Structure formats: C-alpha cells, structure tokens
Amino acid sequence: MKVAFLSDIHANFPALSAALQCAAEAGAEEVVCAGDLVGGGPHPTEVVRLLMRQGVRSVLGNVERKVLALSADPKKLKKAAEKKKRASSAWTARTLGEEERRWLAALPREIRHDWGAGEVLVIHGSPLGEDDYLYPSLTAPGLAARLKGPAPAVLVCGHSHIPFVRTVGSTLVINCGSVGWPVDGDPRGSFALADFTPGRRSSARILRFAYAVEGLVHDLERRRVPGVDPGDFVLGVKKH
C-alpha cells in the first residue's frame, strides 16, 4: 500500500492542491498530514476545508496549537495582532470559521497505525512534542532519547521543513519536509510517498512538485496577511 505523508502546508492552497494531485498520480491510496496545516499563508480556511472534504487524517502542529489558544482568548488575540512575530497567527485565528476551528481542535497529537508493515507513528515535531525538531543528522541514541516506548517500525514527522528518509537504528524515519513553505533552497514543495507491503521492509521517497506561486503571492498581498514576506515562500530559503 502506498501512503502519501504531507506536512507544513502553512495555509498555501495552491501548493496543497498540487501536492494532492502529485500524490494521486504517484499512486497514493491514502494521504496523512503531520501538522502545521495553517499559519503564514493566506488560505487557512480553504486548506482546512479541502482536507476535511478529502477525509485526510492529520495530527496537531505547533501552529494549530498557537492559533487555537489565541482563538480561545480575546485578550491574547488582540495583543498578538500587535506583535510582528505573532501577527500572522492572530490573523489566522480571526480568519478561520467556527467549523474549521472545531476540526482543528479535534486533531490528535499523534497517529499510530499499522498499514500491514509494522507500527507507524505520525507526529509533528518529535515524540517529545510539536516544537522539537528531527534533522537528517539524527542518530540512534538521539532517537532513542526521544521515544517514550518501544521504537516504531516507521516514524513520520515534519516541522523542520527539511525532507529526508533515513533508517535510524531499527526505525525508518521520514521527515516530509514542507508542502507549502520549503526552506532547503528548493522552492518546490515536498512530501513523502511510503510503500507498506506486508512481508517486506517499508520504504519511502521524497517527491518534489512545482505549483503556481503567482496565486499565492497575489493572495498574500490582497488579503494583507501580516508579518509575512512573500519571498520566503517563493525562494525556499528562509524559515518562518
């Protein structure tokens, strides 16, 4: 079975649409998201609605956690809107509708599933939390220190926006990279396509795709998303 793992869409609807099309063309039978669906981009509502409509399972990212906290506290929301570093999250909190916020609030912090090839753990950052990072330099001791129990056969994450696939110890570690906000110098979005075949060792590869950035830049400017430089999305070199 082929499963597409996406992460860090960051409210970039054109990129998400292109990623889903690329995944379908690659033969993905299911799509799972590793968090940070919103935040930064101009399309939080459109992204959430598309994921809801497609029945895509997802975990909670650090951005969703922040946005939901602001939504629940009008005073914090007002203060955040006045600070450059938090203005984008405040804008997102105000833009999302009640239905979309409820859907985000119901997201789990992890997904554990067996696609027929051993346990797969999907989280946003690492087993330690949404704010922890897993990089290509990850070592077996480093992974063991983050695990809260037996090592899964496959660990899927995002958050760093740096895509990689590596076997670390006995675990296949998959970092999806970022669908909507790449930062590794390649402006194309990325996601991981995993192959789970019973009786065989699981494998995965990173796929890159291009999308029409003009629509994204136009909407960032038209919707006046604060605290975001359109160039950060387009060039793929600067972390948000």
Protein backbone atom coordinates (compact mmCIF):
# COMPACT_ATOMS: atom_id res chain seq x y z
CA MET A 1 0.00 0.00 0.00
CA LYS A 2 1.23 3.48 -0.88
CA VAL A 3 0.62 6.32 1.60
CA ALA A 4 1.44 9.96 0.99
CA PHE A 5 2.61 11.84 4.08
CA LEU A 6 2.30 15.62 3.91
CA SER A 7 3.34 18.25 6.42
CA ASP A 8 3.69 22.01 6.94
CA ILE A 9 1.16 23.22 4.39
CA HIS A 10 1.04 26.61 6.11
CA ALA A 11 -2.21 27.77 4.52
CA ASN A 12 -0.83 27.52 0.99
CA PHE A 13 -3.81 26.26 -1.00
CA PRO A 14 -2.16 26.15 -4.46
CA ALA A 15 0.68 24.06 -3.04
CA LEU A 16 -1.70 21.67 -1.24
CA SER A 17 -3.76 21.20 -4.41
CA ALA A 18 -0.61 20.42 -6.40
CA ALA A 19 0.65 18.03 -3.70
CA LEU A 20 -2.62 16.08 -3.66
CA GLN A 21 -2.58 15.81 -7.44
CA CYS A 22 1.05 14.66 -7.42
CA ALA A 23 0.28 12.08 -4.72
CA ALA A 24 -2.66 10.71 -6.69
CA GLU A 25 -0.56 10.45 -9.86
CA ALA A 26 2.12 8.60 -7.86
CA GLY A 27 -0.45 6.00 -6.81
CA ALA A 28 -1.08 7.05 -3.19
CA GLU A 29 -4.05 5.21 -1.75
CA GLU A 30 -4.23 7.35 1.39
CA VAL A 31 -3.00 10.78 2.49
CA VAL A 32 -1.97 11.66 6.05
CA CYS A 33 -0.78 15.06 7.33
CA ALA A 34 1.84 15.66 10.02
CA GLY A 35 0.60 19.07 11.16
CA ASP A 36 1.07 22.81 10.60
CA LEU A 37 -1.79 22.95 8.15
CA VAL A 38 -2.28 26.68 8.68
CA GLY A 39 -0.21 29.71 9.65
CA GLY A 40 1.69 32.13 7.44
CA GLY A 41 -0.19 31.62 4.19
CA PRO A 42 -3.37 33.35 3.02
CA HIS A 43 -5.63 30.30 2.71
CA PRO A 44 -6.27 28.76 6.16
CA THR A 45 -9.98 28.22 5.55
CA GLU A 46 -9.53 26.77 2.07
CA VAL A 47 -6.81 24.38 3.24
CA VAL A 48 -8.80 23.07 6.20
CA ARG A 49 -11.95 22.68 4.13
CA LEU A 50 -10.12 20.72 1.44
CA LEU A 51 -8.58 18.37 4.00
CA MET A 52 -11.98 17.92 5.63
CA ARG A 53 -13.64 17.24 2.28
CA GLN A 54 -10.95 14.73 1.29
CA GLY A 55 -11.15 12.95 4.64
CA VAL A 56 -7.43 13.43 5.26
CA ARG A 57 -6.27 12.42 8.71
CA SER A 58 -3.87 14.79 10.43
CA VAL A 59 -2.09 15.49 13.69
CA LEU A 60 -1.92 18.78 15.56
CA GLY A 61 1.04 21.02 14.75
CA ASN A 62 2.61 23.72 16.87
CA VAL A 63 0.95 26.42 14.75
CA GLU A 64 -2.52 24.93 15.21
CA ARG A 65 -1.89 24.84 18.96
CA LYS A 66 -0.98 28.54 18.99
CA VAL A 67 -3.87 29.59 16.74
CA LEU A 68 -6.42 27.70 18.83
CA ALA A 69 -5.06 29.22 22.04
CA LEU A 70 -5.45 32.71 20.56
CA SER A 71 -8.96 31.93 19.35
CA ALA A 72 -9.97 30.98 22.88
CA ASP A 73 -8.61 34.17 24.50
CA PRO A 74 -9.72 37.54 23.00
CA LYS A 75 -7.21 39.50 25.10
CA LYS A 76 -4.25 37.40 23.95
CA LEU A 77 -5.56 37.59 20.39
CA LYS A 78 -5.61 41.38 20.48
CA LYS A 79 -2.07 41.57 21.91
CA ALA A 80 -0.76 39.04 19.40
CA ALA A 81 -2.15 41.07 16.49
CA GLU A 82 0.04 43.99 17.60
CA LYS A 83 3.28 41.97 17.57
CA LYS A 84 5.04 41.29 14.28
CA LYS A 85 6.11 37.74 15.14
CA ARG A 86 2.60 36.72 16.22
CA ALA A 87 0.51 38.84 13.86
CA SER A 88 0.19 36.06 11.30
CA SER A 89 -1.17 33.61 13.90
CA ALA A 90 -3.62 36.23 15.11
CA TRP A 91 -4.78 36.87 11.53
CA THR A 92 -5.25 33.13 11.02
CA ALA A 93 -7.24 32.81 14.25
CA ARG A 94 -9.58 35.59 13.15
CA THR A 95 -9.93 34.24 9.61
CA LEU A 96 -10.88 30.64 10.42
CA GLY A 97 -14.58 29.86 10.86
CA GLU A 98 -16.07 28.00 13.80
CA GLU A 99 -16.37 24.73 11.88
CA GLU A 100 -12.73 24.84 10.83
CA ARG A 101 -11.58 25.65 14.38
CA ARG A 102 -13.58 22.73 15.77
CA TRP A 103 -11.99 20.38 13.26
CA LEU A 104 -8.51 21.57 14.16
CA ALA A 105 -9.22 21.34 17.89
CA ALA A 106 -10.20 17.69 17.48
CA LEU A 107 -6.89 16.70 15.87
CA PRO A 108 -4.79 14.23 17.88
CA ARG A 109 -1.16 14.90 18.77
CA GLU A 110 -0.14 11.59 17.22
CA ILE A 111 -1.44 8.87 14.95
CA ARG A 112 -0.42 5.26 15.41
CA HIS A 113 -1.43 2.92 12.62
CA ASP A 114 -0.39 -0.36 11.06
CA TRP A 115 -0.59 -0.40 7.28
CA GLY A 116 0.46 -4.04 7.28
CA ALA A 117 4.17 -3.47 7.78
CA GLY A 118 4.52 -2.71 11.50
CA GLU A 119 3.57 0.27 13.65
CA VAL A 120 3.78 3.68 12.03
CA LEU A 121 3.91 6.70 14.37
CA VAL A 122 2.95 10.07 12.89
CA ILE A 123 3.79 13.18 14.90
CA HIS A 124 4.57 16.80 14.05
CA GLY A 125 7.93 17.57 15.64
CA SER A 126 9.12 14.51 17.54
CA PRO A 127 7.75 12.18 20.24
CA LEU A 128 8.86 14.84 22.75
CA GLY A 129 6.42 17.42 21.38
CA GLU A 130 5.35 19.61 18.46
CA ASP A 131 8.23 22.05 18.98
CA ASP A 132 11.08 19.53 18.81
CA TYR A 133 12.98 19.02 15.55
CA LEU A 134 14.30 15.92 13.78
CA TYR A 135 17.04 16.64 11.25
CA PRO A 136 18.93 14.39 8.79
CA SER A 137 21.78 14.24 11.32
CA LEU A 138 19.58 12.30 13.76
CA THR A 139 21.46 9.46 15.48
CA ALA A 140 20.18 6.24 17.01
CA PRO A 141 20.90 7.47 20.58
CA GLY A 142 19.18 10.75 19.75
CA LEU A 143 16.07 8.97 18.53
CA ALA A 144 16.06 6.57 21.48
CA ALA A 145 16.16 9.53 23.90
CA ARG A 146 13.02 10.95 22.30
CA LEU A 147 10.94 7.78 22.24
CA LYS A 148 8.50 7.18 25.08
CA GLY A 149 8.28 3.45 24.50
CA PRO A 150 9.32 0.73 22.03
CA ALA A 151 10.64 2.02 18.73
CA PRO A 152 8.04 2.06 15.96
CA ALA A 153 8.82 0.49 12.61
CA VAL A 154 8.29 3.88 10.96
CA LEU A 155 8.34 7.40 12.40
CA VAL A 156 6.82 10.19 10.29
CA CYS A 157 7.31 13.87 11.16
CA GLY A 158 7.59 17.39 9.74
CA HIS A 159 8.22 20.74 11.49
CA SER A 160 11.83 21.28 10.36
CA HIS A 161 10.80 21.77 6.71
CA ILE A 162 13.89 19.69 5.80
CA PRO A 163 12.82 16.50 3.99
CA PHE A 164 14.73 13.25 4.45
CA VAL A 165 14.30 9.49 4.65
CA ARG A 166 16.76 7.55 6.82
CA THR A 167 16.89 4.30 8.73
CA VAL A 168 17.95 5.18 12.29
CA GLY A 169 18.51 2.16 14.47
CA SER A 170 15.59 -0.13 13.66
CA THR A 171 13.24 2.71 12.64
CA LEU A 172 12.60 4.18 9.22
CA VAL A 173 12.44 7.94 9.89
CA ILE A 174 10.53 10.03 7.36
CA ASN A 175 10.54 13.82 7.52
CA CYS A 176 8.03 15.04 4.94
CA GLY A 177 9.62 18.45 4.51
CA SER A 178 7.08 21.15 3.68
CA VAL A 179 4.25 21.25 1.17
CA GLY A 180 3.77 25.00 1.35
CA TRP A 181 6.91 26.62 2.79
CA PRO A 182 10.17 24.86 1.74
CA VAL A 183 13.39 26.21 3.28
CA ASP A 184 16.12 23.95 1.90
CA GLY A 185 16.90 26.09 -1.14
CA ASP A 186 14.50 24.21 -3.43
CA PRO A 187 11.35 26.31 -3.96
CA ARG A 188 9.30 23.27 -4.89
CA GLY A 189 7.08 21.73 -2.25
CA SER A 190 7.81 18.27 -0.90
CA PHE A 191 6.08 15.27 0.62
CA ALA A 192 6.92 11.64 1.28
CA LEU A 193 5.50 8.62 -0.50
CA ALA A 194 5.77 5.44 1.58
CA ASP A 195 5.34 1.87 0.40
CA PHE A 196 3.98 -0.51 3.01
CA THR A 197 3.94 -4.09 1.73
CA PRO A 198 3.28 -6.94 4.18
CA GLY A 199 6.30 -9.20 4.43
CA ARG A 200 8.68 -6.57 3.08
CA ARG A 201 10.68 -3.81 4.71
CA SER A 202 8.90 -0.46 4.47
CA SER A 203 10.41 2.13 2.15
CA ALA A 204 9.79 5.78 1.30
CA ARG A 205 10.99 8.51 -1.03
CA ILE A 206 10.68 12.28 -1.11
CA LEU A 207 8.76 13.76 -4.04
CA ARG A 208 9.09 17.40 -5.11
CA PHE A 209 6.47 19.30 -7.07
CA ALA A 210 6.06 22.76 -8.54
CA TYR A 211 2.95 24.89 -8.21
CA ALA A 212 1.69 28.27 -9.43
CA VAL A 213 3.22 30.67 -6.90
CA GLU A 214 1.65 33.71 -8.56
CA GLY A 215 -1.74 32.99 -6.99
CA LEU A 216 -0.15 32.61 -3.56
CA VAL A 217 1.73 35.90 -3.78
CA HIS A 218 -1.36 37.70 -5.09
CA ASP A 219 -3.50 36.48 -2.19
CA LEU A 220 -0.84 37.26 0.42
CA GLU A 221 -0.92 40.85 -0.76
CA ARG A 222 -4.68 41.07 -1.43
CA ARG A 223 -5.67 39.58 1.92
CA ARG A 224 -2.98 41.59 3.70
CA VAL A 225 -1.55 38.73 5.73
CA PRO A 226 0.66 40.49 8.31
CA GLY A 227 4.24 39.64 9.20
CA VAL A 228 4.89 37.52 6.11
CA ASP A 229 7.30 38.20 3.27
CA PRO A 230 6.05 36.57 0.02
CA GLY A 231 9.66 35.94 -0.92
CA ASP A 232 10.00 33.48 1.97
CA PHE A 233 7.52 31.19 0.25
CA VAL A 234 8.79 31.69 -3.29
CA LEU A 235 12.56 31.33 -2.78
CA GLY A 236 12.53 28.42 -0.36
CA VAL A 237 15.46 29.64 1.70
CA LYS A 238 14.16 31.32 4.84
CA LYS A 239 12.49 29.69 7.85
CA HIS A 240 9.33 31.41 9.08
